[in-house]
Amino acid sequence: MLREEIAAGEFRRGDQLPTEEMLGQRFNVSRITVRGALDLLVAEGLLKRERGRGTFVTDAPVEHTLVRLTDFVEDMSVAGLRPTSRVVHFAEEPSSAEVAGELRLARGVPVLRLDRLRLADDQPVAFDVTYLPLRYGRLIDRDRLAEETIYRQLETTYDISIVSGSFILEADVLSEQISAHLAVPTGAPSLIIRRTSFADNDDPVYYQTRYYRADRVRYRLELERNRPTHMPRITELTPMFRSHEP
């Protein structure tokens, strides 16, 4: 119930929760039960304890639905947050085998690599590593990326619409470099989304890996039993553990 109230905004960031004794009276449970529940919410990142002061709300997770293809600005705006981006890397480099395969290029063909720290209300939420074929990458205006997405730039300036995408969602821990950008400890859990986005001619526009802070984002998937044509499906299975060898 506390988790739902935080998600609904009844307790906002920085609000102090009632004392354990008051919560016990409200829910008619022991202080041990209350403390256990609060421990779970602290572990999820929804609450933090400050010695001598009490228990406070941190940031409620941003929730997305896998219903339609959206970009970061749309996702954060729907959640009532102000999205911005900080460009960390913007340069051309030879494509790896993985990137070339996703973009349907020969291995080693140059691509634009774009790294961005994604923020919501000036707080780090995600880190993106994006690769674009040069025919698209050289159209991107770096200076506009702080407030404008790749989607938006290509669609409004060049009439190139991104109409579909394939997603792989997985969990892992963050590297030292990315965790530093996201202001979390090295090895913190991350929700990782690997996405290839396509234009209306089925041409790959970019391949992106997004590392979400696991304490800030969650996805909701809703299925309908009697509408199989609209039901999401698993398109591939990958090993439980990904190799980190180069």
C-alpha atoms as a PDB file:
ATOM      1  CA  MET A   1       0.000   0.000   0.000  1.00  0.00           C
ATOM      2  CA  LEU A   2       2.851   2.413   0.740  1.00  0.00           C
ATOM      3  CA  ARG A   3       4.431   1.597  -2.618  1.00  0.00           C
ATOM      4  CA  GLU A   4       1.159   2.380  -4.390  1.00  0.00           C
ATOM      5  CA  GLU A   5       0.757   5.633  -2.471  1.00  0.00           C
ATOM      6  CA  ILE A   6       4.284   6.726  -3.422  1.00  0.00           C
ATOM      7  CA  ALA A   7       3.628   5.868  -7.089  1.00  0.00           C
ATOM      8  CA  ALA A   8       0.349   7.821  -6.965  1.00  0.00           C
ATOM      9  CA  GLY A   9       2.111  10.892  -5.563  1.00  0.00           C
ATOM     10  CA  GLU A  10       0.438  10.810  -2.152  1.00  0.00           C
ATOM     11  CA  PHE A  11       3.969  10.815  -0.753  1.00  0.00           C
ATOM     12  CA  ARG A  12       6.310  12.940  -2.868  1.00  0.00           C
ATOM     13  CA  ARG A  13      10.076  13.139  -3.124  1.00  0.00           C
ATOM     14  CA  GLY A  14      11.513  14.447   0.119  1.00  0.00           C
ATOM     15  CA  ASP A  15       8.376  13.774   2.166  1.00  0.00           C
ATOM     16  CA  GLN A  16       8.906  12.199   5.561  1.00  0.00           C
ATOM     17  CA  LEU A  17       6.912   9.075   6.325  1.00  0.00           C
ATOM     18  CA  PRO A  18       5.026   8.723   9.608  1.00  0.00           C
ATOM     19  CA  THR A  19       6.914   6.975  12.390  1.00  0.00           C
ATOM     20  CA  GLU A  20       6.984   3.190  12.642  1.00  0.00           C
ATOM     21  CA  GLU A  21       4.629   3.417  15.599  1.00  0.00           C
ATOM     22  CA  MET A  22       2.131   5.530  13.624  1.00  0.00           C
ATOM     23  CA  LEU A  23       2.302   3.188  10.625  1.00  0.00           C
ATOM     24  CA  GLY A  24       1.750   0.217  12.913  1.00  0.00           C
ATOM     25  CA  GLN A  25      -1.377   1.839  14.284  1.00  0.00           C
ATOM     26  CA  ARG A  26      -2.616   2.716  10.807  1.00  0.00           C
ATOM     27  CA  PHE A  27      -2.228  -0.810   9.435  1.00  0.00           C
ATOM     28  CA  ASN A  28      -2.859  -2.600  12.736  1.00  0.00           C
ATOM     29  CA  VAL A  29       0.458  -4.497  12.601  1.00  0.00           C
ATOM     30  CA  SER A  30       3.521  -4.742  14.839  1.00  0.00           C
ATOM     31  CA  ARG A  31       6.525  -2.446  14.562  1.00  0.00           C
ATOM     32  CA  ILE A  32       8.577  -5.450  13.430  1.00  0.00           C
ATOM     33  CA  THR A  33       6.221  -5.892  10.460  1.00  0.00           C
ATOM     34  CA  VAL A  34       6.384  -2.180   9.672  1.00  0.00           C
ATOM     35  CA  ARG A  35      10.166  -2.198   9.852  1.00  0.00           C
ATOM     36  CA  GLY A  36      10.337  -5.182   7.499  1.00  0.00           C
ATOM     37  CA  ALA A  37       8.106  -3.442   4.954  1.00  0.00           C
ATOM     38  CA  LEU A  38      10.173  -0.268   5.130  1.00  0.00           C
ATOM     39  CA  ASP A  39      13.357  -2.323   4.693  1.00  0.00           C
ATOM     40  CA  LEU A  40      11.967  -3.664   1.419  1.00  0.00           C
ATOM     41  CA  LEU A  41      11.125  -0.176   0.135  1.00  0.00           C
ATOM     42  CA  VAL A  42      14.565   1.089   1.126  1.00  0.00           C
ATOM     43  CA  ALA A  43      16.132  -1.811  -0.802  1.00  0.00           C
ATOM     44  CA  GLU A  44      13.996  -0.883  -3.834  1.00  0.00           C
ATOM     45  CA  GLY A  45      15.261   2.689  -3.651  1.00  0.00           C
ATOM     46  CA  LEU A  46      11.874   4.225  -2.884  1.00  0.00           C
ATOM     47  CA  LEU A  47      12.809   5.250   0.651  1.00  0.00           C
ATOM     48  CA  LYS A  48      15.927   6.314   2.517  1.00  0.00           C
ATOM     49  CA  ARG A  49      16.611   6.397   6.230  1.00  0.00           C
ATOM     50  CA  GLU A  50      18.424   9.299   7.854  1.00  0.00           C
ATOM     51  CA  ARG A  51      19.788   8.562  11.291  1.00  0.00           C
ATOM     52  CA  GLY A  52      18.094  10.655  13.943  1.00  0.00           C
ATOM     53  CA  ARG A  53      15.617  12.159  11.478  1.00  0.00           C
ATOM     54  CA  GLY A  54      13.387   9.424  10.073  1.00  0.00           C
ATOM     55  CA  THR A  55      12.426   7.787   6.771  1.00  0.00           C
ATOM     56  CA  PHE A  56      12.015   9.860   3.606  1.00  0.00           C
ATOM     57  CA  VAL A  57      10.732   9.280   0.074  1.00  0.00           C
ATOM     58  CA  THR A  58      13.364   9.312  -2.663  1.00  0.00           C
ATOM     59  CA  ASP A  59      12.139   9.140  -6.278  1.00  0.00           C
ATOM     60  CA  ALA A  60       9.256   6.939  -7.360  1.00  0.00           C
ATOM     61  CA  PRO A  61      10.163   4.751 -10.354  1.00  0.00           C
ATOM     62  CA  VAL A  62       9.170   6.029 -13.780  1.00  0.00           C
ATOM     63  CA  GLU A  63       6.826   3.453 -15.285  1.00  0.00           C
ATOM     64  CA  HIS A  64       6.604   2.763 -19.018  1.00  0.00           C
ATOM     65  CA  THR A  65       4.268   0.505 -20.968  1.00  0.00           C
ATOM     66  CA  LEU A  66       5.334  -1.549 -23.973  1.00  0.00           C
ATOM     67  CA  VAL A  67       2.368  -0.504 -26.102  1.00  0.00           C
ATOM     68  CA  ARG A  68       3.816   1.853 -28.707  1.00  0.00           C
ATOM     69  CA  LEU A  69       7.208   3.075 -29.859  1.00  0.00           C
ATOM     70  CA  THR A  70       8.191   6.179 -27.887  1.00  0.00           C
ATOM     71  CA  ASP A  71      11.342   8.166 -27.243  1.00  0.00           C
ATOM     72  CA  PHE A  72      12.908   9.324 -23.977  1.00  0.00           C
ATOM     73  CA  VAL A  73      11.308  12.768 -24.027  1.00  0.00           C
ATOM     74  CA  GLU A  74       7.840  11.295 -24.520  1.00  0.00           C
ATOM     75  CA  ASP A  75       8.359   8.730 -21.736  1.00  0.00           C
ATOM     76  CA  MET A  76       9.531  11.294 -19.192  1.00  0.00           C
ATOM     77  CA  SER A  77       6.919  13.876 -20.184  1.00  0.00           C
ATOM     78  CA  VAL A  78       4.116  11.351 -19.669  1.00  0.00           C
ATOM     79  CA  ALA A  79       5.560  10.699 -16.190  1.00  0.00           C
ATOM     80  CA  GLY A  80       5.377  14.436 -15.446  1.00  0.00           C
ATOM     81  CA  LEU A  81       9.159  14.939 -15.501  1.00  0.00           C
ATOM     82  CA  ARG A  82      11.285  17.434 -17.445  1.00  0.00           C
ATOM     83  CA  PRO A  83      13.635  15.516 -19.784  1.00  0.00           C
ATOM     84  CA  THR A  84      17.077  16.749 -20.812  1.00  0.00           C
ATOM     85  CA  SER A  85      20.217  15.116 -22.172  1.00  0.00           C
ATOM     86  CA  ARG A  86      23.941  15.662 -21.825  1.00  0.00           C
ATOM     87  CA  VAL A  87      26.156  14.569 -24.735  1.00  0.00           C
ATOM     88  CA  VAL A  88      29.191  12.693 -23.442  1.00  0.00           C
ATOM     89  CA  HIS A  89      30.615  11.356 -26.715  1.00  0.00           C
ATOM     90  CA  PHE A  90      29.928  12.275 -30.366  1.00  0.00           C
ATOM     91  CA  ALA A  91      32.336  10.859 -32.955  1.00  0.00           C
ATOM     92  CA  GLU A  92      32.664   8.478 -35.874  1.00  0.00           C
ATOM     93  CA  GLU A  93      34.318   5.087 -35.339  1.00  0.00           C
ATOM     94  CA  PRO A  94      34.553   1.666 -37.032  1.00  0.00           C
ATOM     95  CA  SER A  95      31.562  -0.572 -36.351  1.00  0.00           C
ATOM     96  CA  SER A  96      31.932  -3.714 -34.264  1.00  0.00           C
ATOM     97  CA  ALA A  97      30.484  -7.017 -35.410  1.00  0.00           C
ATOM     98  CA  GLU A  98      27.443  -6.538 -33.137  1.00  0.00           C
ATOM     99  CA  VAL A  99      26.722  -2.998 -34.306  1.00  0.00           C
ATOM    100  CA  ALA A 100      27.302  -3.819 -37.970  1.00  0.00           C
ATOM    101  CA  GLY A 101      24.935  -6.778 -37.766  1.00  0.00           C
ATOM    102  CA  GLU A 102      22.140  -4.685 -36.247  1.00  0.00           C
ATOM    103  CA  LEU A 103      22.594  -1.877 -38.774  1.00  0.00           C
ATOM    104  CA  ARG A 104      23.043  -4.268 -41.743  1.00  0.00           C
ATOM    105  CA  LEU A 105      26.529  -3.017 -42.518  1.00  0.00           C
ATOM    106  CA  ALA A 106      29.840  -4.714 -43.153  1.00  0.00           C
ATOM    107  CA  ARG A 107      31.977  -4.989 -40.041  1.00  0.00           C
ATOM    108  CA  GLY A 108      34.349  -2.031 -39.724  1.00  0.00           C
ATOM    109  CA  VAL A 109      32.219   0.376 -41.766  1.00  0.00           C
ATOM    110  CA  PRO A 110      32.299   3.749 -39.944  1.00  0.00           C
ATOM    111  CA  VAL A 111      29.273   4.735 -37.865  1.00  0.00           C
ATOM    112  CA  LEU A 112      28.469   7.657 -35.593  1.00  0.00           C
ATOM    113  CA  ARG A 113      28.632   6.765 -31.914  1.00  0.00           C
ATOM    114  CA  LEU A 114      26.612   8.991 -29.620  1.00  0.00           C
ATOM    115  CA  ASP A 115      26.737   8.641 -25.817  1.00  0.00           C
ATOM    116  CA  ARG A 116      24.225  10.609 -23.753  1.00  0.00           C
ATOM    117  CA  LEU A 117      23.353  10.944 -20.100  1.00  0.00           C
ATOM    118  CA  ARG A 118      19.567  11.182 -19.883  1.00  0.00           C
ATOM    119  CA  LEU A 119      18.074  13.221 -17.048  1.00  0.00           C
ATOM    120  CA  ALA A 120      14.606  13.751 -15.613  1.00  0.00           C
ATOM    121  CA  ASP A 121      14.124  16.886 -13.521  1.00  0.00           C
ATOM    122  CA  ASP A 122      17.934  17.217 -13.646  1.00  0.00           C
ATOM    123  CA  GLN A 123      18.411  13.804 -12.015  1.00  0.00           C
ATOM    124  CA  PRO A 124      20.280  11.005 -13.897  1.00  0.00           C
ATOM    125  CA  VAL A 125      17.936   8.262 -15.039  1.00  0.00           C
ATOM    126  CA  ALA A 126      19.626   6.526 -17.969  1.00  0.00           C
ATOM    127  CA  PHE A 127      22.773   6.350 -20.063  1.00  0.00           C
ATOM    128  CA  ASP A 128      22.509   5.713 -23.815  1.00  0.00           C
ATOM    129  CA  VAL A 129      25.099   4.402 -26.243  1.00  0.00           C
ATOM    130  CA  THR A 130      23.723   4.867 -29.773  1.00  0.00           C
ATOM    131  CA  TYR A 131      25.165   3.962 -33.178  1.00  0.00           C
ATOM    132  CA  LEU A 132      23.890   5.431 -36.447  1.00  0.00           C
ATOM    133  CA  PRO A 133      24.890   4.719 -40.069  1.00  0.00           C
ATOM    134  CA  LEU A 134      26.646   7.823 -41.361  1.00  0.00           C
ATOM    135  CA  ARG A 135      23.804   8.550 -43.801  1.00  0.00           C
ATOM    136  CA  TYR A 136      21.729   9.317 -40.709  1.00  0.00           C
ATOM    137  CA  GLY A 137      24.414  10.196 -38.180  1.00  0.00           C
ATOM    138  CA  ARG A 138      25.741  13.106 -40.231  1.00  0.00           C
ATOM    139  CA  LEU A 139      22.270  14.663 -40.193  1.00  0.00           C
ATOM    140  CA  ILE A 140      22.232  14.933 -36.401  1.00  0.00           C
ATOM    141  CA  ASP A 141      22.886  18.353 -34.858  1.00  0.00           C
ATOM    142  CA  ARG A 142      24.879  17.774 -31.657  1.00  0.00           C
ATOM    143  CA  ASP A 143      23.891  21.105 -30.125  1.00  0.00           C
ATOM    144  CA  ARG A 144      20.180  20.297 -30.373  1.00  0.00           C
ATOM    145  CA  LEU A 145      20.517  16.957 -28.587  1.00  0.00           C
ATOM    146  CA  ALA A 146      20.348  18.531 -25.119  1.00  0.00           C
ATOM    147  CA  GLU A 147      16.629  19.184 -25.583  1.00  0.00           C
ATOM    148  CA  GLU A 148      15.701  17.247 -28.719  1.00  0.00           C
ATOM    149  CA  THR A 149      15.764  13.520 -29.503  1.00  0.00           C
ATOM    150  CA  ILE A 150      17.085  11.761 -32.592  1.00  0.00           C
ATOM    151  CA  TYR A 151      13.470  10.932 -33.474  1.00  0.00           C
ATOM    152  CA  ARG A 152      12.507  14.578 -33.404  1.00  0.00           C
ATOM    153  CA  GLN A 153      15.476  15.877 -35.374  1.00  0.00           C
ATOM    154  CA  LEU A 154      15.119  13.386 -38.208  1.00  0.00           C
ATOM    155  CA  GLU A 155      11.349  13.754 -38.441  1.00  0.00           C
ATOM    156  CA  THR A 156      11.013  17.538 -38.287  1.00  0.00           C
ATOM    157  CA  THR A 157      14.096  18.539 -40.272  1.00  0.00           C
ATOM    158  CA  TYR A 158      14.419  15.741 -42.826  1.00  0.00           C
ATOM    159  CA  ASP A 159      10.966  14.109 -42.892  1.00  0.00           C
ATOM    160  CA  ILE A 160      12.503  10.777 -41.843  1.00  0.00           C
ATOM    161  CA  SER A 161      10.062   8.964 -39.569  1.00  0.00           C
ATOM    162  CA  ILE A 162      11.041   6.130 -37.255  1.00  0.00           C
ATOM    163  CA  VAL A 163       8.068   3.808 -37.369  1.00  0.00           C
ATOM    164  CA  SER A 164       9.134   0.550 -35.707  1.00  0.00           C
ATOM    165  CA  GLY A 165      11.682  -0.990 -33.398  1.00  0.00           C
ATOM    166  CA  SER A 166      12.827  -4.296 -31.950  1.00  0.00           C
ATOM    167  CA  PHE A 167      13.594  -4.515 -28.225  1.00  0.00           C
ATOM    168  CA  ILE A 168      15.580  -6.807 -25.978  1.00  0.00           C
ATOM    169  CA  LEU A 169      15.195  -6.223 -22.236  1.00  0.00           C
ATOM    170  CA  GLU A 170      17.679  -7.701 -19.799  1.00  0.00           C
ATOM    171  CA  ALA A 171      19.201  -7.075 -16.395  1.00  0.00           C
ATOM    172  CA  ASP A 172      22.866  -6.640 -15.521  1.00  0.00           C
ATOM    173  CA  VAL A 173      25.137  -4.622 -13.254  1.00  0.00           C
ATOM    174  CA  LEU A 174      26.650  -1.282 -14.221  1.00  0.00           C
ATOM    175  CA  SER A 175      30.281  -0.768 -15.138  1.00  0.00           C
ATOM    176  CA  GLU A 176      32.403   1.727 -13.246  1.00  0.00           C
ATOM    177  CA  GLN A 177      32.212   4.274 -16.076  1.00  0.00           C
ATOM    178  CA  ILE A 178      28.446   4.202 -16.554  1.00  0.00           C
ATOM    179  CA  SER A 179      27.666   4.006 -12.834  1.00  0.00           C
ATOM    180  CA  ALA A 180      29.723   7.177 -12.338  1.00  0.00           C
ATOM    181  CA  HIS A 181      27.531   9.006 -14.859  1.00  0.00           C
ATOM    182  CA  LEU A 182      24.360   7.700 -13.204  1.00  0.00           C
ATOM    183  CA  ALA A 183      25.556   8.582  -9.679  1.00  0.00           C
ATOM    184  CA  VAL A 184      25.208   5.042  -8.320  1.00  0.00           C
ATOM    185  CA  PRO A 185      27.829   2.618  -6.959  1.00  0.00           C
ATOM    186  CA  THR A 186      29.782   0.438  -9.365  1.00  0.00           C
ATOM    187  CA  GLY A 187      27.955  -2.848  -9.798  1.00  0.00           C
ATOM    188  CA  ALA A 188      24.530  -1.346  -9.112  1.00  0.00           C
ATOM    189  CA  PRO A 189      21.671  -3.163 -10.902  1.00  0.00           C
ATOM    190  CA  SER A 190      20.483  -1.874 -14.252  1.00  0.00           C
ATOM    191  CA  LEU A 191      17.556  -2.468 -16.587  1.00  0.00           C
ATOM    192  CA  ILE A 192      19.120  -2.651 -20.028  1.00  0.00           C
ATOM    193  CA  ILE A 193      17.216  -2.091 -23.268  1.00  0.00           C
ATOM    194  CA  ARG A 194      18.836  -2.901 -26.589  1.00  0.00           C
ATOM    195  CA  ARG A 195      16.831  -1.383 -29.412  1.00  0.00           C
ATOM    196  CA  THR A 196      17.121  -1.201 -33.171  1.00  0.00           C
ATOM    197  CA  SER A 197      14.862   1.434 -34.729  1.00  0.00           C
ATOM    198  CA  PHE A 198      13.704   1.446 -38.340  1.00  0.00           C
ATOM    199  CA  ALA A 199      12.428   3.991 -40.858  1.00  0.00           C
ATOM    200  CA  ASP A 200       9.301   3.330 -42.901  1.00  0.00           C
ATOM    201  CA  ASN A 201      11.369   1.603 -45.615  1.00  0.00           C
ATOM    202  CA  ASP A 202      12.605  -0.949 -43.008  1.00  0.00           C
ATOM    203  CA  ASP A 203      16.014   0.747 -43.042  1.00  0.00           C
ATOM    204  CA  PRO A 204      17.853   0.590 -39.677  1.00  0.00           C
ATOM    205  CA  VAL A 205      18.276   4.153 -38.378  1.00  0.00           C
ATOM    206  CA  TYR A 206      20.116   3.387 -35.146  1.00  0.00           C
ATOM    207  CA  TYR A 207      21.117   0.686 -32.699  1.00  0.00           C
ATOM    208  CA  GLN A 208      21.022   1.729 -29.070  1.00  0.00           C
ATOM    209  CA  THR A 209      21.806   0.302 -25.673  1.00  0.00           C
ATOM    210  CA  ARG A 210      20.127   2.141 -22.811  1.00  0.00           C
ATOM    211  CA  TYR A 211      21.203   1.543 -19.221  1.00  0.00           C
ATOM    212  CA  TYR A 212      18.412   2.536 -16.858  1.00  0.00           C
ATOM    213  CA  ARG A 213      18.938   2.943 -13.141  1.00  0.00           C
ATOM    214  CA  ALA A 214      16.974  -0.003 -11.787  1.00  0.00           C
ATOM    215  CA  ASP A 215      15.691   2.100  -8.894  1.00  0.00           C
ATOM    216  CA  ARG A 216      14.193   4.704 -11.223  1.00  0.00           C
ATOM    217  CA  VAL A 217      12.440   2.832 -14.034  1.00  0.00           C
ATOM    218  CA  ARG A 218      10.189  -0.166 -14.456  1.00  0.00           C
ATOM    219  CA  TYR A 219       8.160  -1.496 -17.383  1.00  0.00           C
ATOM    220  CA  ARG A 220       4.576  -2.696 -17.349  1.00  0.00           C
ATOM    221  CA  LEU A 221       3.412  -5.280 -19.890  1.00  0.00           C
ATOM    222  CA  GLU A 222      -0.315  -5.971 -20.162  1.00  0.00           C
ATOM    223  CA  LEU A 223      -1.571  -8.973 -22.114  1.00  0.00           C
ATOM    224  CA  GLU A 224      -5.048  -9.855 -23.334  1.00  0.00           C
ATOM    225  CA  ARG A 225      -5.893 -13.542 -23.506  1.00  0.00           C
ATOM    226  CA  ASN A 226      -8.579 -13.208 -26.177  1.00  0.00           C
ATOM    227  CA  ARG A 227      -6.682 -10.950 -28.586  1.00  0.00           C
ATOM    228  CA  PRO A 228      -3.755 -13.101 -29.719  1.00  0.00           C
ATOM    229  CA  THR A 229      -3.021 -10.929 -32.740  1.00  0.00           C
ATOM    230  CA  HIS A 230      -2.189  -8.043 -30.373  1.00  0.00           C
ATOM    231  CA  MET A 231      -0.231 -10.128 -27.892  1.00  0.00           C
ATOM    232  CA  PRO A 232       3.503  -9.414 -27.499  1.00  0.00           C
ATOM    233  CA  ARG A 233       5.705 -12.456 -27.983  1.00  0.00           C
ATOM    234  CA  ILE A 234       9.215 -13.602 -27.177  1.00  0.00           C
ATOM    235  CA  THR A 235      11.280 -13.501 -30.339  1.00  0.00           C
ATOM    236  CA  GLU A 236      14.517 -14.952 -28.959  1.00  0.00           C
ATOM    237  CA  LEU A 237      16.051 -16.468 -25.879  1.00  0.00           C
ATOM    238  CA  THR A 238      19.543 -15.530 -24.729  1.00  0.00           C
ATOM    239  CA  PRO A 239      21.851 -17.159 -22.159  1.00  0.00           C
ATOM    240  CA  MET A 240      21.184 -16.236 -18.541  1.00  0.00           C
ATOM    241  CA  PHE A 241      24.641 -14.698 -18.169  1.00  0.00           C
ATOM    242  CA  ARG A 242      26.235 -12.466 -20.812  1.00  0.00           C
ATOM    243  CA  SER A 243      29.961 -12.725 -21.333  1.00  0.00           C
ATOM    244  CA  HIS A 244      31.851  -9.517 -20.545  1.00  0.00           C
ATOM    245  CA  GLU A 245      34.957 -10.550 -22.450  1.00  0.00           C
ATOM    246  CA  PRO A 246      35.922  -8.203 -25.282  1.00  0.00           C
END
